[in-house]
Amino acid sequence: MIKKLLPFVLFFGIISTILFSCKKDDFETSGNVQLSFSEDTVMFDTVFTSVGSATEVFTVYNTEDKAILISSLRLANGQASDFRLNVDGMPGKSFTDVEIGANDSIFIFVEVTVDPNNQNTPLVITDSIIFETNGNVQDLDLVAWGQDAYFHRPDPNDPNFPFFTIPCNEVWNNDKPHVIYGYLIVDSLCNLTINQGTKVHFHAGAAMIIYTSASLFVNGTIQEPVIIQGDRLHQDFQDVPGQWDRIWLYPGSKNSYIRNAIIKNGNVGLQVDTVAGPGDSTLYLENTIIKTMSSNALLLQGSKVSAYNCVFANCGGSVLNILYGGNYKFYQSTFANFWDNGTRQDPIIFMNNYYTAVRPLNSYFGNCIVYGNNDQEIGLDSIAMSNQFNFYFDNALLKVENAFSTTSPFHYNGIVRSTSNFNSPGFADIGNNIYELDSINSSALDKGTMSVVNAFPSVLNFDIKGIARPQRALPDLGAYERQ
């Protein structure tokens, strides 16, 4: 009997093997398989007016001529994620062995629930979906806004994408945050006004451009400053540079001012280009902090800028980068750099006076601090021509090497020379970008001159926090007066 059945057993075994082999070969097994997605970011910008949820959908495409098997499809934050998935009708946060037929696709629904009335809810909730196919890992970002916000972003169908122009003479208030995607343009002969307490958030790569004959007006107060930063507000990103691009005052923009603002975590805080014309100012800064930029806090190119009670700090390049000459005045300001995201080669302040030809430079620093973790924090690059490279440090603490001369009366007066272990300003907490004068042994205490304060008493009689200046006989150097 066994002998009679043996041919049938062998026959079915061979057929099963053939069928199994064919099924296995029907799946593409190459490690080069790439899924395609209908979106690179799934973004929820629904206006959440009450506790509730929103759902978005996207498509995953298999462009191969064979079926593929996604071995793992999951939310990066796992069960703790605020998001939920539905893959081909199956709800969950993690899936295995998801099949997509040859040249076929599947829909994935994403749901998120947020409470916009909960003040502890982050402005932005993020996660990602991770796909593993034949050992190849891909991910797709999820972004949900946990509070109501104004969204400013380009139309992908506009031929100028990703540039877009906002209406002329817009006013932004603090009733809701403002979120910028792409390149926002304030058009010529227009202005943008940002009022006290307003929060402006730039998405990755986003920028603001103030065109020729246009202006930017920022009206923060000491109690309610304007905050300008990236849109990733988790604590881990509070001091991460490079999260957005820059605010660019385009060549010919004029008469912009920024009062009581904090600008942080981009590539360049303010790029300020050539002044519009004789008698025009490019930018006025007052009680403003610009910090944690991957390149420069200020990139000034042949412009005209005045700054009072300001802090410029913690950049991958020069904190103040002056190129191609220009006219600049800095009063009671702190320039500091303790960059710890790699090696910093550039000094805190760099100045030159030429491009293709000599361009006159006139810069003044009154009652200022220039201090960081490099030995030499002043960089000068000039073409030697009479009256074309004028700079003057008037009562200032400067971190410079021993060989750097500060004796010229045309460039220096009342200088406190500092090295790593000598004449420190005694900053309160450099690790957290706090540059108040914390030590009673600070070499910046009482080293200023009242002639600087009296030049603009309506502003400089008080420091960046509103503390009366001076507290003792003479003003302290920098933006902060020690009580």
Protein backbone atom coordinates (compact mmCIF):
# COMPACT_ATOMS: atom_id res chain seq x y z
CA MET A 1 0.00 0.00 0.00
CA ILE A 2 2.82 2.38 0.97
CA LYS A 3 4.57 1.61 -2.29
CA LYS A 4 1.41 2.45 -4.21
CA LEU A 5 1.01 5.79 -2.42
CA LEU A 6 4.66 6.77 -2.68
CA PRO A 7 4.44 8.16 -6.26
CA PHE A 8 1.47 10.33 -5.26
CA VAL A 9 3.30 11.61 -2.15
CA LEU A 10 6.34 12.46 -4.22
CA PHE A 11 4.18 14.11 -6.88
CA PHE A 12 2.33 16.35 -4.44
CA GLY A 13 5.57 17.15 -2.63
CA ILE A 14 7.15 18.31 -5.87
CA ILE A 15 4.06 20.33 -6.83
CA SER A 16 3.98 21.95 -3.37
CA THR A 17 7.64 22.85 -3.62
CA ILE A 18 7.13 24.37 -7.05
CA LEU A 19 4.11 26.36 -5.88
CA PHE A 20 5.90 27.56 -2.75
CA SER A 21 8.92 28.58 -4.78
CA CYS A 22 6.76 30.48 -7.24
CA LYS A 23 4.99 32.36 -4.43
CA LYS A 24 8.30 33.33 -2.85
CA ASP A 25 9.67 34.51 -6.16
CA ASP A 26 6.59 36.67 -6.69
CA PHE A 27 7.91 39.15 -4.05
CA GLU A 28 10.69 41.55 -4.91
CA THR A 29 13.56 40.78 -2.51
CA SER A 30 16.10 43.40 -3.54
CA GLY A 31 17.43 45.67 -0.81
CA ASN A 32 17.19 48.59 -3.24
CA VAL A 33 13.39 48.66 -3.18
CA GLN A 34 12.07 52.15 -2.52
CA LEU A 35 8.48 52.90 -1.61
CA SER A 36 6.93 56.07 -3.01
CA PHE A 37 4.56 58.29 -1.05
CA SER A 38 1.90 60.76 -2.12
CA GLU A 39 3.22 63.16 0.58
CA ASP A 40 6.62 63.69 2.16
CA THR A 41 4.97 65.10 5.28
CA VAL A 42 1.46 64.46 6.54
CA MET A 43 0.45 67.74 8.17
CA PHE A 44 -2.63 68.43 10.27
CA ASP A 45 -3.35 72.13 10.21
CA THR A 46 -7.01 71.83 11.13
CA VAL A 47 -8.25 74.60 13.40
CA PHE A 48 -8.99 72.72 16.60
CA THR A 49 -11.74 74.63 18.41
CA SER A 50 -12.60 71.92 20.91
CA VAL A 51 -11.36 68.56 22.07
CA GLY A 52 -11.46 66.39 18.99
CA SER A 53 -9.55 64.60 16.31
CA ALA A 54 -8.61 64.96 12.67
CA THR A 55 -7.81 62.39 10.01
CA GLU A 56 -5.52 62.63 7.00
CA VAL A 57 -4.83 60.04 4.30
CA PHE A 58 -1.87 59.35 2.07
CA THR A 59 -0.91 56.69 -0.47
CA VAL A 60 2.02 54.28 -0.47
CA TYR A 61 3.05 53.16 -3.96
CA ASN A 62 4.90 50.07 -5.14
CA THR A 63 6.42 50.89 -8.52
CA GLU A 64 8.09 47.47 -8.87
CA ASP A 65 6.94 44.82 -11.34
CA LYS A 66 6.68 42.37 -8.45
CA ALA A 67 4.76 42.49 -5.21
CA ILE A 68 6.62 43.74 -2.15
CA LEU A 69 6.34 42.82 1.52
CA ILE A 70 6.76 45.60 4.10
CA SER A 71 8.13 43.62 7.03
CA SER A 72 7.50 46.42 9.54
CA LEU A 73 5.28 49.51 9.39
CA ARG A 74 5.12 51.41 12.67
CA LEU A 75 4.97 54.75 14.47
CA ALA A 76 8.41 55.85 15.70
CA ASN A 77 7.03 56.79 19.13
CA GLY A 78 5.24 53.46 19.44
CA GLN A 79 2.33 53.15 21.81
CA ALA A 80 3.15 56.55 23.33
CA SER A 81 2.42 58.29 20.03
CA ASP A 82 -0.41 60.82 19.78
CA PHE A 83 -1.11 59.43 16.30
CA ARG A 84 -3.01 56.31 15.22
CA LEU A 85 -2.90 54.43 11.93
CA ASN A 86 -5.34 52.50 9.82
CA VAL A 87 -3.69 50.31 7.19
CA ASP A 88 -6.06 48.64 4.74
CA GLY A 89 -8.88 48.71 7.29
CA MET A 90 -6.81 47.52 10.23
CA PRO A 91 -6.31 50.03 13.11
CA GLY A 92 -3.15 50.12 15.19
CA LYS A 93 0.25 51.65 15.74
CA SER A 94 2.43 48.82 14.45
CA PHE A 95 2.00 46.32 11.60
CA THR A 96 4.02 43.50 10.07
CA ASP A 97 4.09 41.83 6.65
CA VAL A 98 2.04 44.40 4.77
CA GLU A 99 1.73 43.40 1.12
CA ILE A 100 1.50 45.76 -1.86
CA GLY A 101 0.92 44.17 -5.26
CA ALA A 102 3.04 44.84 -8.32
CA ASN A 103 2.54 48.44 -9.55
CA ASP A 104 -0.15 48.84 -6.93
CA SER A 105 -0.75 51.01 -3.85
CA ILE A 106 -2.40 51.11 -0.44
CA PHE A 107 -4.07 53.87 1.54
CA ILE A 108 -2.96 54.69 5.07
CA PHE A 109 -5.21 56.80 7.27
CA VAL A 110 -3.61 58.79 10.09
CA GLU A 111 -5.61 60.15 13.02
CA VAL A 112 -4.52 62.44 15.83
CA THR A 113 -6.37 63.73 18.87
CA VAL A 114 -5.34 66.94 20.59
CA ASP A 115 -6.79 69.31 23.13
CA PRO A 116 -6.15 72.89 22.00
CA ASN A 117 -7.49 74.28 25.26
CA ASN A 118 -4.84 72.49 27.28
CA GLN A 119 -2.07 75.03 27.85
CA ASN A 120 0.42 72.19 28.33
CA THR A 121 -0.20 70.85 24.84
CA PRO A 122 2.84 71.53 22.64
CA LEU A 123 2.29 73.90 19.76
CA VAL A 124 3.44 71.19 17.39
CA ILE A 125 3.12 67.42 17.83
CA THR A 126 5.46 65.36 15.68
CA ASP A 127 6.15 61.72 14.93
CA SER A 128 7.04 59.63 11.90
CA ILE A 129 5.97 56.38 10.28
CA ILE A 130 8.84 53.96 9.72
CA PHE A 131 8.72 51.49 6.83
CA GLU A 132 11.12 48.52 6.60
CA THR A 133 11.22 46.68 3.28
CA ASN A 134 13.88 44.06 2.54
CA GLY A 135 16.09 45.66 5.17
CA ASN A 136 15.65 49.13 3.65
CA VAL A 137 14.30 51.76 6.09
CA GLN A 138 12.23 54.78 5.03
CA ASP A 139 10.23 57.24 7.08
CA LEU A 140 7.46 59.77 6.57
CA ASP A 141 6.98 62.74 8.92
CA LEU A 142 3.77 63.51 10.79
CA VAL A 143 3.10 67.05 12.03
CA ALA A 144 0.02 68.14 13.97
CA TRP A 145 -0.70 71.53 15.47
CA GLY A 146 -2.01 71.31 19.01
CA GLN A 147 -3.12 74.93 19.10
CA ASP A 148 -4.90 77.15 16.68
CA ALA A 149 -2.46 79.11 14.50
CA TYR A 150 -2.22 81.33 11.44
CA PHE A 151 -0.50 79.45 8.62
CA HIS A 152 1.47 81.35 5.99
CA ARG A 153 2.61 79.08 3.20
CA PRO A 154 3.03 78.96 -0.58
CA ASP A 155 0.61 77.42 -3.04
CA PRO A 156 2.34 74.36 -4.59
CA ASN A 157 0.54 75.15 -7.85
CA ASP A 158 1.95 78.69 -7.98
CA PRO A 159 4.78 79.02 -10.53
CA ASN A 160 6.75 80.99 -7.89
CA PHE A 161 6.62 78.12 -5.38
CA PRO A 162 8.09 78.04 -2.71
CA PHE A 163 8.02 81.88 -2.70
CA PHE A 164 4.82 83.69 -1.79
CA THR A 165 3.86 87.30 -1.14
CA ILE A 166 1.64 88.33 1.77
CA PRO A 167 -0.87 91.20 1.50
CA CYS A 168 0.58 94.68 1.78
CA ASN A 169 0.79 96.23 5.24
CA GLU A 170 -0.28 93.17 7.21
CA VAL A 171 -0.40 93.33 11.01
CA TRP A 172 0.29 90.20 13.08
CA ASN A 173 -1.07 90.11 16.63
CA ASN A 174 -0.61 87.73 19.54
CA ASP A 175 -4.05 86.11 19.51
CA LYS A 176 -2.59 83.05 17.77
CA PRO A 177 0.91 81.92 16.73
CA HIS A 178 2.01 82.54 13.15
CA VAL A 179 3.62 79.62 11.29
CA ILE A 180 5.66 80.16 8.11
CA TYR A 181 6.37 77.59 5.41
CA GLY A 182 8.56 78.39 2.40
CA TYR A 183 9.80 81.90 1.58
CA LEU A 184 7.48 84.66 2.81
CA ILE A 185 7.89 87.96 0.96
CA VAL A 186 6.97 91.45 2.13
CA ASP A 187 6.64 93.20 -1.22
CA SER A 188 8.16 96.52 -2.26
CA LEU A 189 6.52 99.65 -0.78
CA CYS A 190 4.77 97.45 1.82
CA ASN A 191 5.47 96.65 5.45
CA LEU A 192 4.80 93.89 7.95
CA THR A 193 4.04 94.85 11.56
CA ILE A 194 4.44 92.25 14.33
CA ASN A 195 2.98 93.39 17.63
CA GLN A 196 3.91 92.62 21.23
CA GLY A 197 3.70 89.08 22.52
CA THR A 198 3.37 87.55 19.05
CA LYS A 199 5.03 84.19 18.42
CA VAL A 200 6.37 83.50 14.94
CA HIS A 201 7.46 79.98 13.99
CA PHE A 202 9.45 79.05 10.88
CA HIS A 203 9.23 75.53 9.45
CA ALA A 204 12.46 73.86 8.32
CA GLY A 205 14.11 75.88 5.55
CA ALA A 206 11.61 78.75 5.78
CA ALA A 207 12.61 82.40 5.53
CA MET A 208 11.20 85.94 5.53
CA ILE A 209 12.35 88.39 2.85
CA ILE A 210 11.75 92.14 3.13
CA TYR A 211 11.96 93.47 -0.42
CA THR A 212 13.35 96.74 -1.77
CA SER A 213 11.62 99.80 -0.25
CA ALA A 214 9.74 97.51 2.17
CA SER A 215 10.00 97.49 5.98
CA LEU A 216 9.64 95.17 8.96
CA PHE A 217 8.29 96.62 12.22
CA VAL A 218 8.54 94.51 15.40
CA ASN A 219 6.84 96.08 18.43
CA GLY A 220 7.67 93.84 21.37
CA THR A 221 7.83 95.06 24.95
CA ILE A 222 10.02 93.99 27.85
CA GLN A 223 7.01 92.27 29.44
CA GLU A 224 5.76 90.78 26.16
CA PRO A 225 8.62 90.27 23.70
CA VAL A 226 8.08 88.99 20.18
CA ILE A 227 9.45 85.43 19.89
CA ILE A 228 10.80 84.25 16.52
CA GLN A 229 12.05 80.67 16.28
CA GLY A 230 11.58 77.28 14.63
CA ASP A 231 8.39 75.24 14.85
CA ARG A 232 9.82 72.31 16.82
CA LEU A 233 9.00 73.33 20.36
CA HIS A 234 9.80 70.17 22.27
CA GLN A 235 12.31 70.84 25.03
CA ASP A 236 14.96 68.90 23.12
CA PHE A 237 14.92 71.54 20.37
CA GLN A 238 15.02 74.69 22.52
CA ASP A 239 18.66 75.41 21.68
CA VAL A 240 19.20 73.51 18.43
CA PRO A 241 20.49 75.77 15.62
CA GLY A 242 19.64 75.55 11.93
CA GLN A 243 15.92 74.82 12.30
CA TRP A 244 14.96 77.54 9.76
CA ASP A 245 16.77 79.82 7.36
CA ARG A 246 16.79 83.60 8.00
CA ILE A 247 15.13 86.99 8.04
CA TRP A 248 16.56 88.82 5.04
CA LEU A 249 16.36 92.58 4.68
CA TYR A 250 16.85 92.66 0.95
CA PRO A 251 19.04 95.28 -0.81
CA GLY A 252 17.10 98.53 -0.78
CA SER A 253 14.81 97.68 2.13
CA LYS A 254 14.70 100.56 4.56
CA ASN A 255 13.80 101.93 7.98
CA SER A 256 12.98 98.57 9.61
CA TYR A 257 13.07 98.29 13.38
CA ILE A 258 12.96 95.45 15.89
CA ARG A 259 12.22 96.23 19.55
CA ASN A 260 12.12 93.68 22.38
CA ALA A 261 12.42 90.46 20.42
CA ILE A 262 14.06 87.06 20.82
CA ILE A 263 15.22 85.50 17.54
CA LYS A 264 16.79 82.05 17.76
CA ASN A 265 17.63 78.65 16.29
CA GLY A 266 18.00 79.48 12.57
CA ASN A 267 20.88 79.63 10.09
CA VAL A 268 21.23 83.44 10.03
CA GLY A 269 19.27 85.62 12.42
CA LEU A 270 19.23 88.78 10.32
CA GLN A 271 20.82 89.24 6.92
CA VAL A 272 20.88 92.98 6.23
CA ASP A 273 21.95 94.20 2.80
CA THR A 274 22.77 97.47 1.11
CA VAL A 275 20.95 100.56 2.32
CA ALA A 276 18.26 102.06 0.09
CA GLY A 277 19.76 105.51 -0.30
CA PRO A 278 21.42 108.48 1.43
CA GLY A 279 19.73 109.34 4.70
CA ASP A 280 17.93 105.99 4.95
CA SER A 281 18.58 103.49 7.73
CA THR A 282 18.35 99.78 7.06
CA LEU A 283 17.66 98.55 10.58
CA TYR A 284 17.25 99.75 14.18
CA LEU A 285 17.53 97.16 16.99
CA GLU A 286 16.55 97.70 20.62
CA ASN A 287 16.47 95.25 23.57
CA THR A 288 16.77 92.29 21.21
CA ILE A 289 18.42 88.88 21.63
CA ILE A 290 19.61 86.93 18.56
CA LYS A 291 21.19 83.60 19.42
CA THR A 292 21.92 79.98 18.52
CA MET A 293 22.39 80.36 14.77
CA SER A 294 24.31 77.81 12.72
CA SER A 295 26.07 80.66 10.88
CA ASN A 296 25.67 84.30 12.06
CA ALA A 297 23.40 86.27 14.35
CA LEU A 298 23.97 89.33 12.15
CA LEU A 299 25.19 89.16 8.56
CA LEU A 300 25.58 92.82 7.54
CA GLN A 301 26.58 93.65 3.97
CA GLY A 302 27.13 97.32 3.17
CA SER A 303 24.14 98.37 5.27
CA LYS A 304 23.31 100.89 8.01
CA VAL A 305 22.41 99.39 11.40
CA SER A 306 22.10 100.75 14.94
CA ALA A 307 21.65 98.54 18.01
CA TYR A 308 20.97 99.35 21.68
CA ASN A 309 20.88 96.96 24.67
CA CYS A 310 21.19 93.87 22.48
CA VAL A 311 22.65 90.37 22.91
CA PHE A 312 24.12 88.50 19.95
CA ALA A 313 25.32 85.05 20.91
CA ASN A 314 26.25 81.45 20.25
CA CYS A 315 26.78 80.93 16.52
CA GLY A 316 28.72 78.48 14.35
CA GLY A 317 30.46 81.37 12.57
CA SER A 318 31.02 84.98 13.52
CA VAL A 319 28.24 86.30 15.72
CA LEU A 320 28.62 89.67 13.95
CA ASN A 321 29.80 89.31 10.36
CA ILE A 322 30.32 92.71 8.69
CA LEU A 323 31.13 92.47 4.99
CA TYR A 324 31.62 95.09 2.26
CA GLY A 325 31.78 98.09 4.58
CA GLY A 326 28.75 100.01 5.81
CA ASN A 327 27.78 102.14 8.81
CA TYR A 328 27.15 100.51 12.19
CA LYS A 329 26.64 101.61 15.78
CA PHE A 330 26.36 99.28 18.76
CA TYR A 331 25.63 100.65 22.24
CA GLN A 332 25.58 98.66 25.50
CA SER A 333 25.54 95.34 23.65
CA THR A 334 26.89 91.89 24.48
CA PHE A 335 28.61 89.73 21.86
CA ALA A 336 29.26 86.23 23.21
CA ASN A 337 30.06 82.86 21.68
CA PHE A 338 30.48 79.50 23.39
CA TRP A 339 29.57 77.34 20.40
CA ASP A 340 29.61 73.63 21.32
CA ASN A 341 28.22 72.03 18.15
CA GLY A 342 31.64 71.57 16.60
CA THR A 343 34.84 73.56 16.14
CA ARG A 344 34.35 77.28 15.56
CA GLN A 345 37.05 78.96 13.44
CA ASP A 346 35.64 82.46 13.06
CA PRO A 347 35.99 85.23 15.67
CA ILE A 348 32.91 86.70 17.34
CA ILE A 349 33.24 89.97 15.39
CA PHE A 350 34.60 90.03 11.85
CA MET A 351 34.81 93.20 9.73
CA ASN A 352 36.00 93.94 6.19
CA ASN A 353 35.75 96.90 3.84
CA TYR A 354 35.81 95.57 0.30
CA TYR A 355 34.13 93.33 -2.25
CA THR A 356 35.22 93.92 -5.84
CA ALA A 357 36.33 97.38 -4.73
CA VAL A 358 36.88 99.24 -1.48
CA ARG A 359 33.68 100.06 0.40
CA PRO A 360 34.08 102.42 3.37
CA LEU A 361 33.49 100.98 6.83
CA ASN A 362 32.43 103.02 9.85
CA SER A 363 31.62 101.03 12.99
CA TYR A 364 31.29 102.08 16.63
CA PHE A 365 31.04 99.92 19.76
CA GLY A 366 30.21 101.79 22.99
CA ASN A 367 30.20 100.06 26.41
CA CYS A 368 30.18 96.59 24.79
CA ILE A 369 31.40 93.09 25.69
CA VAL A 370 33.08 90.76 23.16
CA TYR A 371 33.87 87.46 24.87
CA GLY A 372 33.86 83.75 23.99
CA ASN A 373 35.75 80.48 24.15
CA ASN A 374 38.30 81.27 21.42
CA ASP A 375 41.54 83.07 22.20
CA GLN A 376 41.05 85.76 19.53
CA GLU A 377 37.53 87.12 19.12
CA ILE A 378 38.14 90.15 16.87
CA GLY A 379 38.87 89.68 13.15
CA LEU A 380 39.91 92.56 10.87
CA ASP A 381 40.26 92.32 7.09
CA SER A 382 40.89 95.59 5.31
CA ILE A 383 42.36 97.19 2.25
CA ALA A 384 44.58 99.91 3.67
CA MET A 385 43.21 103.18 2.41
CA SER A 386 42.86 106.39 4.38
CA ASN A 387 39.49 106.81 6.09
CA GLN A 388 38.09 103.64 4.53
CA PHE A 389 38.39 101.26 7.50
CA ASN A 390 37.13 103.08 10.56
CA PHE A 391 36.17 101.19 13.71
CA TYR A 392 36.15 102.32 17.32
CA PHE A 393 35.76 100.36 20.55
CA ASP A 394 34.83 102.91 23.21
CA ASN A 395 35.04 101.36 26.71
CA ALA A 396 34.73 97.68 25.92
CA LEU A 397 35.78 94.28 27.25
CA LEU A 398 37.55 92.41 24.44
CA LYS A 399 38.75 88.79 24.35
CA VAL A 400 41.97 89.06 22.31
CA GLU A 401 45.38 87.41 22.15
CA ASN A 402 48.39 89.05 23.76
CA ALA A 403 49.86 89.96 20.37
CA PHE A 404 46.72 91.87 19.34
CA SER A 405 47.29 95.59 19.89
CA THR A 406 44.58 97.80 21.38
CA THR A 407 46.76 100.87 21.83
CA SER A 408 45.71 102.90 18.80
CA PRO A 409 43.71 105.95 20.00
CA PHE A 410 41.94 105.95 16.63
CA HIS A 411 40.40 102.55 17.31
CA TYR A 412 40.39 101.88 21.05
CA ASN A 413 39.57 103.72 24.27
CA GLY A 414 39.12 102.38 27.81
CA ILE A 415 39.66 98.75 26.80
CA VAL A 416 39.50 95.88 29.28
CA ARG A 417 41.63 93.14 27.71
CA SER A 418 40.52 89.63 28.52
CA THR A 419 42.02 86.17 28.20
CA SER A 420 40.65 82.77 29.18
CA ASN A 421 41.63 83.16 32.83
CA PHE A 422 41.84 86.92 33.17
CA ASN A 423 39.21 89.69 33.17
CA SER A 424 36.18 87.45 32.67
CA PRO A 425 32.77 89.14 32.36
CA GLY A 426 31.32 86.51 34.72
CA PHE A 427 28.30 85.49 32.66
CA ALA A 428 25.50 83.85 34.64
CA ASP A 429 24.99 80.63 32.66
CA ILE A 430 26.69 80.24 29.29
CA GLY A 431 25.34 76.69 28.94
CA ASN A 432 21.83 78.11 28.77
CA ASN A 433 22.68 81.27 26.83
CA ILE A 434 22.19 83.60 29.81
CA TYR A 435 24.67 86.47 29.59
CA GLU A 436 23.74 88.54 32.61
CA LEU A 437 26.65 89.60 34.85
CA ASP A 438 26.37 87.14 37.70
CA SER A 439 29.65 87.64 39.49
CA ILE A 440 30.55 90.54 41.74
CA ASN A 441 34.06 89.95 40.42
CA SER A 442 33.00 90.58 36.83
CA SER A 443 35.51 92.69 34.95
CA ALA A 444 32.59 94.38 33.16
CA LEU A 445 31.20 96.01 36.32
CA ASP A 446 31.48 99.82 36.37
CA LYS A 447 33.74 99.84 33.32
CA GLY A 448 31.40 101.80 31.06
CA THR A 449 31.24 105.52 30.47
CA MET A 450 28.22 107.75 30.98
CA SER A 451 28.96 109.49 27.69
CA VAL A 452 27.62 106.40 25.89
CA VAL A 453 24.49 106.25 28.04
CA ASN A 454 23.89 109.99 27.66
CA ALA A 455 24.07 109.72 23.88
CA PHE A 456 20.61 108.05 23.92
CA PRO A 457 19.27 108.35 27.47
CA SER A 458 15.66 107.50 26.61
CA VAL A 459 16.83 103.97 25.73
CA LEU A 460 20.12 103.46 27.55
CA ASN A 461 19.06 104.75 30.98
CA PHE A 462 17.65 101.22 31.33
CA ASP A 463 19.16 97.85 30.41
CA ILE A 464 17.64 95.09 28.29
CA LYS A 465 15.46 93.95 31.23
CA GLY A 466 14.35 97.45 32.20
CA ILE A 467 16.76 97.82 35.15
CA ALA A 468 17.92 101.40 35.72
CA ARG A 469 21.42 102.17 34.49
CA PRO A 470 23.75 102.80 36.22
CA GLN A 471 23.19 100.95 39.49
CA ARG A 472 26.47 102.29 40.88
CA ALA A 473 28.78 105.14 39.93
CA LEU A 474 29.32 104.00 36.34
CA PRO A 475 27.39 101.78 33.94
CA ASP A 476 28.39 98.15 33.45
CA LEU A 477 29.53 96.95 30.05
CA GLY A 478 27.13 95.00 27.87
CA ALA A 479 23.35 94.73 27.67
CA TYR A 480 22.81 93.88 31.36
CA GLU A 481 23.26 96.12 34.38
CA ARG A 482 24.01 94.12 37.53
CA GLN A 483 21.75 95.03 40.44
